[in-house]
Protein backbone atom coordinates (compact mmCIF):
# COMPACT_ATOMS: atom_id res chain seq x y z
CA MET A 1 -0.07 -0.09 -0.05
CA ASN A 2 1.30 3.25 -0.90
CA MET A 3 1.95 5.87 1.84
CA ASN A 4 -0.11 8.96 0.41
CA PHE A 5 -0.98 11.54 2.97
CA THR A 6 -2.60 14.24 0.96
CA SER A 7 -6.02 13.69 2.72
CA TRP A 8 -4.59 13.09 6.19
CA ASN A 9 -5.46 15.79 8.65
CA ARG A 10 -6.79 16.15 12.24
CA ARG A 11 -9.15 19.06 11.51
CA GLY A 12 -12.26 16.67 12.05
CA SER A 13 -13.26 18.07 15.38
CA ARG A 14 -12.46 21.54 14.13
CA ARG A 15 -14.92 21.04 11.07
CA ARG A 16 -17.70 19.52 13.30
CA PHE A 17 -17.63 22.56 15.64
CA LEU A 18 -17.61 25.19 12.60
CA ASN A 19 -20.65 23.22 10.99
CA SER A 20 -22.48 23.24 14.36
CA CYS A 21 -22.10 26.98 14.44
CA ALA A 22 -22.52 27.79 10.74
CA ALA A 23 -25.60 30.02 11.64
CA ALA A 24 -23.22 32.37 13.69
CA THR A 25 -22.27 35.66 12.15
CA LEU A 26 -19.11 37.27 12.41
CA GLY A 27 -20.55 39.69 15.17
CA SER A 28 -18.69 39.82 18.41
CA ALA A 29 -21.08 37.44 20.20
CA GLY A 30 -20.99 34.48 17.72
CA LEU A 31 -17.06 35.03 17.00
CA LEU A 32 -16.31 35.01 20.57
CA SER A 33 -18.24 31.84 21.39
CA SER A 34 -16.23 30.23 18.12
CA LEU A 35 -12.92 31.23 19.54
CA ALA A 36 -13.62 29.90 22.94
CA ARG A 37 -14.67 26.61 21.51
CA ALA A 38 -11.83 26.39 19.14
CA ALA A 39 -9.55 27.08 21.96
CA SER A 40 -10.94 24.03 23.88
CA LEU A 41 -10.67 21.77 20.76
CA GLY A 42 -6.97 22.53 20.13
CA GLU A 43 -5.53 23.36 16.87
CA ALA A 44 -4.87 20.76 14.11
CA GLN A 45 -1.19 20.32 12.82
CA VAL A 46 -0.96 19.64 9.23
CA LEU A 47 2.63 18.51 9.72
CA ALA A 48 2.18 16.46 12.93
CA PRO A 49 4.96 13.49 13.28
CA ARG A 50 3.94 10.13 11.82
CA ALA A 51 5.93 7.02 11.23
CA GLY A 52 7.31 5.38 8.00
CA HIS A 53 6.79 1.92 6.67
CA HIS A 54 9.18 0.28 9.31
CA PRO A 55 11.04 1.25 12.52
CA ALA A 56 13.34 3.97 11.62
CA LYS A 57 16.99 4.05 12.49
CA ALA A 58 17.01 8.02 12.35
CA ARG A 59 14.18 10.59 13.53
CA GLN A 60 16.01 13.49 11.76
CA LEU A 61 18.18 14.13 8.75
CA LEU A 62 21.09 16.55 8.48
CA PHE A 63 22.32 16.94 5.16
CA VAL A 64 25.63 18.48 4.09
CA PHE A 65 26.13 19.64 0.42
CA LEU A 66 29.83 20.65 -0.70
CA THR A 67 28.98 22.60 -3.98
CA GLY A 68 31.07 22.06 -7.04
CA GLY A 69 32.38 18.59 -6.97
CA PHE A 70 35.28 17.50 -4.45
CA SER A 71 37.67 15.06 -5.90
CA HIS A 72 37.24 11.52 -4.53
CA VAL A 73 41.07 10.58 -5.38
CA ASP A 74 41.99 13.64 -3.12
CA THR A 75 39.97 13.21 -0.24
CA PHE A 76 38.54 9.56 0.66
CA ASP A 77 39.80 7.23 -1.96
CA PRO A 78 43.53 6.97 -2.33
CA LYS A 79 45.22 6.01 -5.18
CA PRO A 80 49.11 5.20 -5.10
CA ARG A 81 49.22 3.74 -8.63
CA LEU A 82 47.82 7.13 -9.99
CA THR A 83 50.59 8.98 -8.10
CA ALA A 84 53.08 6.69 -9.34
CA LEU A 85 52.00 7.20 -12.93
CA SER A 86 51.40 11.02 -12.69
CA GLY A 87 52.18 12.59 -16.14
CA GLN A 88 51.78 9.55 -18.20
CA PRO A 89 49.12 9.98 -20.94
CA VAL A 90 46.01 7.55 -21.01
CA PRO A 91 42.88 7.49 -22.96
CA ALA A 92 40.75 9.69 -20.96
CA PHE A 93 36.99 9.47 -21.17
CA GLY A 94 33.80 10.65 -19.54
CA LEU A 95 30.21 11.01 -20.16
CA ARG A 96 30.89 13.51 -23.30
CA ALA A 97 32.34 12.44 -26.43
CA ASP A 98 34.66 15.39 -26.40
CA GLU A 99 36.19 13.95 -23.30
CA ALA A 100 37.58 10.79 -25.20
CA LYS A 101 41.24 11.71 -25.73
CA ALA A 102 44.38 11.20 -24.31
CA GLN A 103 45.17 13.24 -21.11
CA PRO A 104 48.02 13.02 -18.50
CA LEU A 105 47.26 11.56 -15.33
CA LEU A 106 47.54 13.65 -12.14
CA GLY A 107 48.58 12.16 -8.98
CA SER A 108 47.14 13.70 -5.71
CA PRO A 109 49.05 16.11 -4.12
CA PHE A 110 47.71 15.28 -0.68
CA GLU A 111 48.85 12.68 1.64
CA PHE A 112 46.70 9.94 2.88
CA ARG A 113 46.71 8.33 6.22
CA ARG A 114 44.88 5.45 8.00
CA CYS A 115 42.84 6.64 10.70
CA GLY A 116 41.22 5.46 14.08
CA ARG A 117 40.53 1.67 14.91
CA SER A 118 39.20 0.94 11.43
CA GLY A 119 42.13 2.40 9.56
CA LEU A 120 39.76 4.44 7.40
CA PRO A 121 42.04 6.20 4.78
CA ILE A 122 41.31 10.05 4.70
CA SER A 123 43.68 12.88 3.15
CA ASP A 124 45.64 15.75 4.85
CA LEU A 125 42.79 17.89 3.60
CA PHE A 126 40.69 16.88 6.65
CA PRO A 127 42.91 16.62 9.53
CA ARG A 128 40.20 17.09 12.13
CA LEU A 129 37.69 14.58 10.34
CA ARG A 130 40.24 12.11 10.59
CA THR A 131 39.55 12.28 14.44
CA VAL A 132 35.99 11.01 13.78
CA ALA A 133 37.10 8.07 11.22
CA ASP A 134 35.29 5.54 13.04
CA ASP A 135 31.95 7.40 12.70
CA LEU A 136 32.24 7.86 9.04
CA CYS A 137 30.94 5.51 6.14
CA VAL A 138 32.62 6.47 2.83
CA ILE A 139 30.72 5.18 -0.22
CA ARG A 140 33.52 5.26 -2.93
CA THR A 141 31.29 4.08 -5.86
CA LEU A 142 28.79 6.73 -6.52
CA HIS A 143 27.77 7.49 -10.01
CA THR A 144 25.30 10.15 -11.59
CA ASP A 145 23.84 10.51 -15.13
CA ILE A 146 24.96 13.94 -16.49
CA VAL A 147 28.36 15.62 -15.88
CA GLU A 148 27.27 19.23 -15.62
CA HIS A 149 26.82 21.01 -12.14
CA PHE A 150 23.38 22.16 -12.67
CA GLN A 151 21.77 18.72 -13.53
CA ALA A 152 24.10 16.76 -11.15
CA THR A 153 23.09 19.00 -8.17
CA LEU A 154 19.41 18.64 -9.01
CA ALA A 155 19.91 15.01 -9.25
CA MET A 156 21.51 14.68 -5.92
CA HIS A 157 18.66 16.78 -4.19
CA THR A 158 15.62 15.51 -6.24
CA GLY A 159 16.59 12.18 -7.83
CA SER A 160 16.04 13.93 -11.21
CA SER A 161 18.94 15.28 -13.51
CA THR A 162 16.48 16.61 -16.15
CA ILE A 163 12.95 17.75 -14.64
CA PRO A 164 12.70 19.52 -11.30
CA LEU A 165 10.91 17.42 -8.91
CA PRO A 166 10.34 17.50 -5.11
CA SER A 167 13.43 17.51 -3.12
CA LEU A 168 14.59 15.02 -0.59
CA GLY A 169 13.93 17.38 2.26
CA ALA A 170 10.61 17.89 0.91
CA TRP A 171 9.86 14.24 0.92
CA MET A 172 10.88 13.78 4.22
CA SER A 173 8.56 16.39 5.42
CA TYR A 174 5.81 14.97 3.62
CA GLY A 175 6.40 11.39 4.88
CA LEU A 176 6.99 12.09 8.32
CA GLY A 177 5.98 15.74 9.30
CA THR A 178 7.49 17.72 11.82
CA LEU A 179 8.60 17.32 15.51
CA ASN A 180 8.21 21.03 16.29
CA PRO A 181 5.18 22.47 15.11
CA ASN A 182 6.55 26.07 15.81
CA LEU A 183 9.50 25.62 13.57
CA PRO A 184 9.48 24.42 9.81
CA SER A 185 10.04 20.69 9.07
CA PHE A 186 12.63 21.52 6.27
CA VAL A 187 15.36 24.18 6.95
CA VAL A 188 18.31 24.93 4.51
CA LEU A 189 20.93 27.27 5.56
CA ALA A 190 22.60 28.59 2.44
CA GLU A 191 24.67 31.72 2.39
CA HIS A 192 24.73 31.52 -1.40
CA LEU A 193 22.59 29.25 -3.69
CA PRO A 194 23.99 26.40 -5.30
CA TYR A 195 23.81 25.36 -9.15
CA ALA A 196 19.96 24.66 -9.67
CA GLY A 197 19.08 27.35 -7.00
CA ALA A 198 15.82 27.02 -5.00
CA GLN A 199 14.76 23.95 -7.03
CA ILE A 200 17.36 22.03 -4.58
CA TYR A 201 14.81 22.49 -1.68
CA ASP A 202 11.44 22.98 -3.63
CA ALA A 203 8.40 20.92 -2.93
CA GLY A 204 7.57 20.32 -6.56
CA PHE A 205 4.15 19.00 -6.90
CA LEU A 206 3.96 17.90 -3.45
CA PRO A 207 1.88 20.37 -1.09
CA PRO A 208 3.63 23.62 -1.01
CA HIS A 209 4.24 23.74 2.73
CA HIS A 210 6.91 20.88 2.38
CA GLN A 211 9.09 23.21 0.74
CA GLY A 212 12.30 23.99 2.38
CA VAL A 213 12.94 27.33 4.48
CA ARG A 214 16.05 29.00 3.51
CA ILE A 215 17.77 30.86 6.08
CA ILE A 216 20.62 33.04 4.87
CA PRO A 217 23.42 33.43 7.44
CA GLY A 218 23.94 36.98 8.64
CA GLU A 219 22.87 39.74 11.13
CA ASP A 220 19.24 39.15 10.42
CA PRO A 221 18.76 35.41 9.25
CA VAL A 222 15.07 35.48 9.56
CA PRO A 223 13.79 39.10 8.61
CA ASN A 224 10.83 40.39 10.53
CA LEU A 225 10.73 37.66 13.31
CA ARG A 226 10.18 40.07 16.14
CA PRO A 227 6.43 40.77 16.57
CA ILE A 228 5.14 44.52 17.29
CA GLU A 229 4.48 44.68 20.86
CA GLN A 230 1.00 44.51 21.67
CA ARG A 231 -1.28 43.22 24.37
CA ALA A 232 -1.18 39.37 24.52
CA THR A 233 -4.84 38.95 25.00
CA LEU A 234 -5.59 41.19 21.97
CA ALA A 235 -3.00 39.27 19.84
CA GLU A 236 -4.15 35.90 20.75
CA LEU A 237 -7.76 37.06 19.89
CA GLU A 238 -6.79 38.58 16.39
CA ALA A 239 -4.88 35.35 15.74
CA ARG A 240 -7.83 33.13 16.63
CA MET A 241 -10.06 35.26 14.46
CA LEU A 242 -7.89 35.13 11.45
CA ARG A 243 -7.21 31.65 11.80
CA ASP A 244 -11.04 30.80 11.78
CA VAL A 245 -11.64 33.03 8.62
CA ASN A 246 -8.95 31.26 6.74
CA GLU A 247 -10.15 27.83 7.63
CA ARG A 248 -13.64 28.83 6.56
CA HIS A 249 -12.17 30.11 3.39
CA ALA A 250 -9.99 27.13 2.88
CA GLU A 251 -12.69 24.59 3.23
CA ALA A 252 -14.98 26.28 0.70
CA ARG A 253 -12.00 25.69 -1.76
CA PRO A 254 -10.73 22.28 -0.87
CA GLY A 255 -8.60 21.93 -4.21
CA ASP A 256 -6.51 24.89 -3.51
CA LEU A 257 -3.22 23.42 -2.23
CA SER A 258 -1.41 26.77 -2.23
CA LEU A 259 -4.01 28.47 0.03
CA ARG A 260 -3.68 25.78 2.69
CA ALA A 261 0.13 26.14 2.37
CA ARG A 262 -0.17 29.95 2.90
CA ILE A 263 -2.33 29.20 6.05
CA GLN A 264 0.34 26.62 7.40
CA THR A 265 2.96 29.22 6.40
CA THR A 266 1.37 31.87 8.60
CA GLU A 267 0.82 29.29 11.42
CA THR A 268 4.60 28.31 11.37
CA ALA A 269 5.68 32.19 11.06
CA ARG A 270 3.64 32.85 14.44
CA GLY A 271 5.31 29.76 16.17
CA MET A 272 8.81 30.99 14.83
CA MET A 273 8.06 34.32 16.53
CA ARG A 274 7.85 32.68 19.75
CA GLU A 275 10.75 30.08 19.23
CA ALA A 276 13.31 31.17 16.56
CA PRO A 277 14.82 33.98 18.49
CA GLY A 278 16.07 31.41 20.92
CA VAL A 279 17.45 29.06 18.25
CA PHE A 280 19.79 31.97 16.88
CA ASP A 281 20.75 33.14 20.57
CA LEU A 282 24.24 31.66 21.41
CA SER A 283 24.59 33.68 24.71
CA ARG A 284 23.85 30.31 26.73
CA GLU A 285 26.41 28.27 24.48
CA HIS A 286 29.40 27.25 26.41
CA PRO A 287 32.65 29.14 25.11
CA GLY A 288 34.05 25.64 24.64
CA THR A 289 31.55 24.69 22.28
CA LEU A 290 31.87 27.91 19.98
CA ALA A 291 35.62 27.31 20.08
CA SER A 292 35.30 23.79 19.12
CA TYR A 293 33.21 24.92 16.06
CA GLY A 294 35.53 27.75 15.40
CA VAL A 295 32.72 30.51 16.03
CA ALA A 296 34.36 33.54 16.63
CA PRO A 297 32.45 36.39 18.87
CA GLY A 298 30.12 38.04 16.57
CA ASP A 299 30.16 35.45 13.71
CA ARG A 300 26.72 34.97 12.36
CA SER A 301 27.55 33.82 8.91
CA SER A 302 30.38 31.50 8.97
CA PHE A 303 30.12 27.70 7.87
CA ALA A 304 31.02 27.23 11.60
CA TRP A 305 27.96 29.14 12.76
CA GLN A 306 25.92 27.30 10.22
CA CYS A 307 26.91 24.00 11.70
CA LEU A 308 26.30 25.08 15.26
CA MET A 309 22.79 26.33 14.00
CA ALA A 310 22.12 22.90 12.49
CA ARG A 311 22.89 21.12 15.78
CA ARG A 312 20.70 23.78 17.51
CA MET A 313 17.88 23.07 15.00
CA ILE A 314 18.14 19.20 15.20
CA GLU A 315 18.22 19.92 19.20
CA ARG A 316 14.57 21.64 18.71
CA GLY A 317 13.15 18.86 16.58
CA ILE A 318 13.49 20.23 13.12
CA ARG A 319 13.02 17.13 10.77
CA VAL A 320 15.47 18.07 7.90
CA VAL A 321 18.31 20.54 7.94
CA GLU A 322 20.46 21.11 5.21
CA LEU A 323 23.76 22.95 4.94
CA VAL A 324 24.97 24.35 1.62
CA ASP A 325 28.72 25.16 2.11
CA THR A 326 29.39 27.35 -0.99
CA GLY A 327 27.19 28.60 -3.74
CA SER A 328 27.54 28.36 -7.67
CA HIS A 329 30.74 30.49 -7.64
CA ASP A 330 34.14 29.89 -5.83
CA ASN A 331 33.26 26.37 -4.91
CA TRP A 332 35.18 22.78 -5.11
CA ASP A 333 35.28 23.20 -8.69
CA SER A 334 38.89 22.81 -9.00
CA HIS A 335 39.47 22.94 -12.75
CA GLY A 336 42.92 24.94 -12.45
CA ASP A 337 44.64 23.74 -9.45
CA MET A 338 43.61 21.12 -6.91
CA GLN A 339 45.44 22.97 -4.28
CA ALA A 340 42.14 25.37 -4.65
CA HIS A 341 40.53 22.38 -2.48
CA ARG A 342 42.81 23.43 0.65
CA PRO A 343 40.87 26.42 1.69
CA LYS A 344 37.57 24.79 0.68
CA ALA A 345 38.46 21.99 3.19
CA LEU A 346 39.79 24.38 5.75
CA ARG A 347 36.34 25.87 5.86
CA VAL A 348 34.38 22.80 6.58
CA ASP A 349 36.86 20.27 8.57
CA GLN A 350 36.79 21.75 11.96
CA ALA A 351 33.10 22.54 11.99
CA LEU A 352 31.89 19.16 10.55
CA THR A 353 33.98 17.50 13.00
CA ALA A 354 32.73 19.50 15.84
CA LEU A 355 29.04 18.83 14.69
CA ILE A 356 29.66 14.98 14.96
CA ASP A 357 31.24 15.21 18.27
CA ASP A 358 28.69 17.60 19.49
CA LEU A 359 25.75 15.36 18.35
CA LYS A 360 27.39 12.49 19.99
CA GLN A 361 27.78 14.29 23.43
CA ARG A 362 24.16 15.28 23.44
CA GLY A 363 22.90 11.82 22.35
CA LEU A 364 21.82 13.07 18.98
CA PHE A 365 24.09 11.20 16.75
CA GLU A 366 22.45 7.90 17.37
CA GLU A 367 19.00 9.14 16.03
CA THR A 368 20.30 11.52 13.33
CA LEU A 369 21.26 10.59 9.73
CA MET A 370 24.25 12.76 8.47
CA VAL A 371 24.71 12.80 4.92
CA ILE A 372 28.01 14.72 3.50
CA CYS A 373 27.94 14.80 -0.30
CA THR A 374 28.58 16.63 -3.61
CA GLU A 375 27.38 16.55 -7.14
CA PHE A 376 29.98 14.38 -8.85
CA GLY A 377 33.79 13.51 -8.49
CA ARG A 378 36.56 14.76 -10.51
CA THR A 379 38.76 13.01 -13.19
CA PRO A 380 42.15 11.14 -12.39
CA TRP A 381 43.58 13.18 -15.18
CA THR A 382 44.00 16.75 -15.74
CA ASP A 383 42.82 18.67 -18.83
CA ALA A 384 44.20 22.17 -17.68
CA SER A 385 46.91 23.89 -19.56
CA ASN A 386 49.14 23.77 -16.42
CA GLY A 387 48.46 20.38 -15.65
CA LYS A 388 47.39 20.93 -11.97
CA GLY A 389 43.50 20.44 -11.96
CA ARG A 390 40.79 18.04 -12.72
CA ASN A 391 37.65 18.02 -14.72
CA HIS A 392 33.99 16.92 -13.75
CA PHE A 393 33.66 13.18 -13.59
CA ALA A 394 30.17 11.40 -12.97
CA LYS A 395 31.50 7.79 -13.55
CA ALA A 396 32.82 7.47 -9.96
CA PHE A 397 32.75 9.55 -6.68
CA SER A 398 32.67 9.58 -3.14
CA CYS A 399 30.06 10.59 -0.65
CA LEU A 400 29.53 9.93 3.04
CA LEU A 401 26.93 8.78 5.68
CA ALA A 402 27.53 8.77 9.42
CA GLY A 403 25.25 8.63 12.43
CA ALA A 404 21.93 6.53 12.82
CA GLY A 405 22.03 3.21 11.43
CA VAL A 406 25.22 3.67 9.63
CA ARG A 407 28.40 1.36 9.85
CA GLY A 408 31.15 3.89 10.94
CA GLY A 409 34.49 3.22 9.87
CA THR A 410 33.79 1.72 6.57
CA ALA A 411 34.89 2.34 3.04
CA TYR A 412 32.19 0.66 0.64
CA GLY A 413 32.73 -0.35 -2.90
CA ALA A 414 35.95 0.08 -4.82
CA THR A 415 37.21 1.83 -7.80
CA ASP A 416 40.04 0.94 -10.19
CA GLU A 417 43.84 1.64 -9.21
CA LEU A 418 43.26 5.16 -11.08
CA GLY A 419 39.92 5.92 -9.53
CA ALA A 420 38.24 6.13 -13.16
CA ASN A 421 35.97 2.98 -13.05
CA ILE A 422 33.88 1.25 -10.46
CA VAL A 423 35.06 -2.32 -10.04
CA GLU A 424 33.02 -3.54 -6.99
CA SER A 425 29.54 -2.40 -5.67
CA PRO A 426 28.34 0.61 -7.78
CA VAL A 427 25.92 3.07 -6.21
CA HIS A 428 23.70 5.13 -8.25
CA VAL A 429 22.15 8.29 -6.76
CA HIS A 430 18.83 6.45 -6.70
CA ASP A 431 20.57 3.84 -4.41
CA TYR A 432 22.00 6.29 -2.08
CA HIS A 433 18.46 7.99 -1.86
CA ALA A 434 17.06 4.57 -1.17
CA THR A 435 19.48 3.98 1.65
CA ILE A 436 18.75 7.41 3.01
CA LEU A 437 14.86 6.76 3.09
CA HIS A 438 15.32 3.34 4.39
CA LEU A 439 17.18 4.72 7.47
CA MET A 440 14.55 7.10 7.83
CA GLY A 441 11.87 4.32 8.00
CA PHE A 442 10.67 4.09 4.31
CA ASP A 443 10.39 1.78 1.67
CA HIS A 444 11.65 3.98 -1.19
CA THR A 445 9.20 2.04 -3.66
CA ARG A 446 6.24 2.90 -1.61
CA LEU A 447 6.68 6.66 -0.46
CA THR A 448 4.64 7.97 -3.60
CA TYR A 449 2.64 10.70 -4.53
CA ARG A 450 0.11 10.81 -7.45
CA TYR A 451 0.51 13.60 -9.89
CA ALA A 452 -0.75 13.96 -13.51
CA GLY A 453 -1.83 10.48 -13.57
CA ARG A 454 1.37 8.96 -12.31
CA ASP A 455 2.65 7.70 -9.12
CA PHE A 456 6.03 9.59 -8.33
CA ARG A 457 8.90 8.80 -5.85
CA LEU A 458 12.08 10.05 -5.21
CA THR A 459 13.96 7.17 -6.65
CA ASP A 460 11.81 7.32 -10.02
CA ILE A 461 11.66 3.53 -11.22
CA SER A 462 14.82 2.18 -9.82
CA GLY A 463 17.16 2.23 -6.51
CA GLU A 464 18.27 -0.35 -4.10
CA VAL A 465 19.15 -0.07 -0.55
CA VAL A 466 22.92 -0.35 -0.11
CA ARG A 467 22.71 -3.05 2.77
CA GLY A 468 26.32 -3.17 3.08
CA VAL A 469 26.48 0.31 4.84
CA LEU A 470 23.93 -0.44 7.45
CA SER A 471 24.93 -1.21 11.05
């Protein structure tokens, strides 16, 4: 049986009440009695938490996207043979016809070390992540369908590289609801938009209230958050009146999903006015915690600040939090020189490590699934005139999982001695998504939504759970 929640609601008691007083006018007596009864009945929550298809390993999802395509052979998939043959021409290939020509191999300029009890190899780009190697599962055999940034980014977020479809976070909101009705179910921390823009957190054809809410790091991450001061009783009365009018208006137009989404957005905004200021207030954070992330006094925009905010949001019950570390410019797209990876890794290494340690210390790591990914990898050879950079590569790349239900200290799958071909256990983006959904409690083939005469799902018509990464 497909899990389709479009008709799910808890407005029954509210509706019965409204029908019973249909004769009441909007005059003060009728409205006041209506408001009083509504208060006694309580408010329906469109995004109330609900269960998936099977017991979930993870309650919440923390999705970290490293924009631009970091190189697998320079980070988590060491290739000594590639280094030994550096400079030797090979028949290069890719997903495009113009890439099939001889190119010189490029050995990694970064040293790898086996880390932790597991001996998981990690390059010196990530000295801090090395300390949590036993918590990381590196999938070395990701592959995707298109080698351009826009399409590959879209695929990693929506499962589709060609047509914008609902994002992973929107599917999670649709399937699981929220754990905190005063905050959005899906939040995206993005100082700059990546390739594909807002489509990476869009709800597509799902009900619009499942769309991600973008938080822009800075002095005022959520504009107009603080309400105008007024008497609480008056504010409550006005809110209740507006809510009732909106409900009656919406019930007369059951097919207008955008209307229902606007009502829900207003409700969430009201809750955020009460709760969100506390999320962004770091005054009670221990100085040692701030230092572990690398958050300096007055910092309200760095990736370190965003990682700390992500922990605070997970702590407060936001179902899905995404971190986008850079935008569509000045990112991991190192065509000219692989040394450009150093400042990008320096920006994220300490903060991601602190985030993992912090979640563990607070007992949240065991119930939070952490995803660290990029849109594709980079070629084992160079095509730059100076011979120091790498091109896009979609036939093999690395992404990570950590946390709830994940076998830490694991390198899954294998590429050949050059990092060019997958030789063991390939993992398509659909398989990656199927595994994430499985850990969140879903059979990916049954989490569907009927639209335009077809049952759509995140994994389209394929995808297999990667059992080898499960604990």
